Amino acid sequence: MVEQWILPHLSKGKRGFKTRWDLTKVIKLILKRMKTGCRWRELSVKEYFGDDGPGWQTVYYYFHKWSNDGSFKAAWVHLLSLNKGHIDFQVPN
């Protein structure tokens, strides 16, 4: 799901450097943070990556990078457009 719908819309490095980290897991951690509202340093990075994984700063770095260049918003808009028939936009009274 993440590889198909979100990753193609996120910016990659311009100089050809490849990340050491699985960006699918990074995105899942960002979405978990957005869903729960926890602090960045409270993210359970070890749960996703194990003991050899990145720190919470790396997850925040990618979120900040993708937010500033607009690619995170582009991925979000793309997801909404794909699923607009399944989303109820009515406001409850």
Protein backbone atom coordinates (compact mmCIF):
# COMPACT_ATOMS: atom_id res chain seq x y z
CA MET A 1 0.00 0.00 0.00
CA VAL A 2 2.61 2.54 1.05
CA GLU A 3 4.98 1.56 -1.74
CA GLN A 4 2.24 1.88 -4.35
CA TRP A 5 0.33 5.00 -3.25
CA ILE A 6 2.68 7.17 -1.20
CA LEU A 7 6.34 6.52 -2.09
CA PRO A 8 6.10 7.55 -5.77
CA HIS A 9 4.98 11.05 -4.73
CA LEU A 10 7.73 11.72 -2.19
CA SER A 11 10.94 13.46 -3.21
CA LYS A 12 14.15 11.50 -3.44
CA GLY A 13 17.73 12.64 -3.01
CA LYS A 14 19.02 14.81 -5.85
CA ARG A 15 22.61 13.61 -5.82
CA GLY A 16 21.96 9.90 -6.14
CA PHE A 17 22.48 8.99 -2.49
CA LYS A 18 20.34 6.13 -1.33
CA THR A 19 19.01 5.98 2.18
CA ARG A 20 20.00 3.18 4.51
CA TRP A 21 16.52 3.09 6.01
CA ASP A 22 13.36 1.48 4.68
CA LEU A 23 11.23 4.49 3.72
CA THR A 24 8.07 2.41 4.02
CA LYS A 25 8.74 2.03 7.74
CA VAL A 26 9.61 5.72 8.03
CA ILE A 27 6.26 6.64 6.47
CA LYS A 28 4.44 4.24 8.79
CA LEU A 29 6.10 5.91 11.78
CA ILE A 30 5.13 9.37 10.48
CA LEU A 31 1.53 8.24 10.04
CA LYS A 32 1.55 6.69 13.52
CA ARG A 33 2.77 9.99 14.95
CA MET A 34 0.05 11.88 13.08
CA LYS A 35 -2.63 9.45 14.27
CA THR A 36 -1.63 9.28 17.93
CA GLY A 37 -0.28 12.80 18.39
CA CYS A 38 2.66 11.53 20.44
CA ARG A 39 5.91 13.45 20.63
CA TRP A 40 8.60 12.68 18.07
CA ARG A 41 10.96 11.29 20.66
CA GLU A 42 8.24 8.94 21.93
CA LEU A 43 7.95 7.12 18.59
CA SER A 44 8.58 3.39 18.86
CA VAL A 45 11.35 3.32 16.25
CA LYS A 46 12.85 0.12 17.69
CA GLU A 47 9.51 -1.62 17.17
CA TYR A 48 9.75 -0.99 13.43
CA PHE A 49 13.52 -1.15 12.82
CA GLY A 50 15.00 -3.10 15.71
CA ASP A 51 18.00 -2.01 17.76
CA ASP A 52 20.07 -1.03 14.71
CA GLY A 53 17.47 1.39 13.39
CA PRO A 54 17.59 5.16 13.13
CA GLY A 55 16.69 7.55 15.89
CA TRP A 56 13.49 9.56 16.02
CA GLN A 57 15.47 12.47 14.55
CA THR A 58 15.75 10.63 11.23
CA VAL A 59 11.99 10.10 11.05
CA TYR A 60 11.46 13.78 11.84
CA TYR A 61 14.05 14.74 9.21
CA TYR A 62 12.09 12.97 6.46
CA PHE A 63 8.78 14.41 7.65
CA HIS A 64 10.24 17.93 7.71
CA LYS A 65 11.89 17.48 4.29
CA TRP A 66 8.75 16.13 2.63
CA SER A 67 6.52 18.73 4.29
CA ASN A 68 8.71 21.65 3.19
CA ASP A 69 9.05 20.60 -0.44
CA GLY A 70 5.33 19.84 -0.78
CA SER A 71 5.70 16.19 -1.67
CA PHE A 72 3.93 14.97 1.50
CA LYS A 73 0.94 17.14 0.60
CA ALA A 74 1.01 15.84 -2.99
CA ALA A 75 0.90 12.24 -1.73
CA TRP A 76 -1.98 13.11 0.61
CA VAL A 77 -3.96 14.84 -2.19
CA HIS A 78 -3.33 11.85 -4.46
CA LEU A 79 -4.67 9.45 -1.81
CA LEU A 80 -7.76 11.60 -1.30
CA SER A 81 -8.44 11.77 -5.02
CA LEU A 82 -8.15 7.98 -5.36
CA ASN A 83 -10.55 7.37 -2.48
CA LYS A 84 -12.97 10.28 -2.73
CA GLY A 85 -15.86 7.94 -3.51
CA HIS A 86 -15.32 6.12 -0.22
CA ILE A 87 -14.95 9.15 2.06
CA ASP A 88 -17.96 10.72 3.73
CA PHE A 89 -17.43 14.49 3.83
CA GLN A 90 -20.69 15.28 5.59
CA VAL A 91 -20.46 17.17 8.85
CA PRO A 92 -22.40 15.54 11.69
CA ASN A 93 -24.95 17.77 13.41
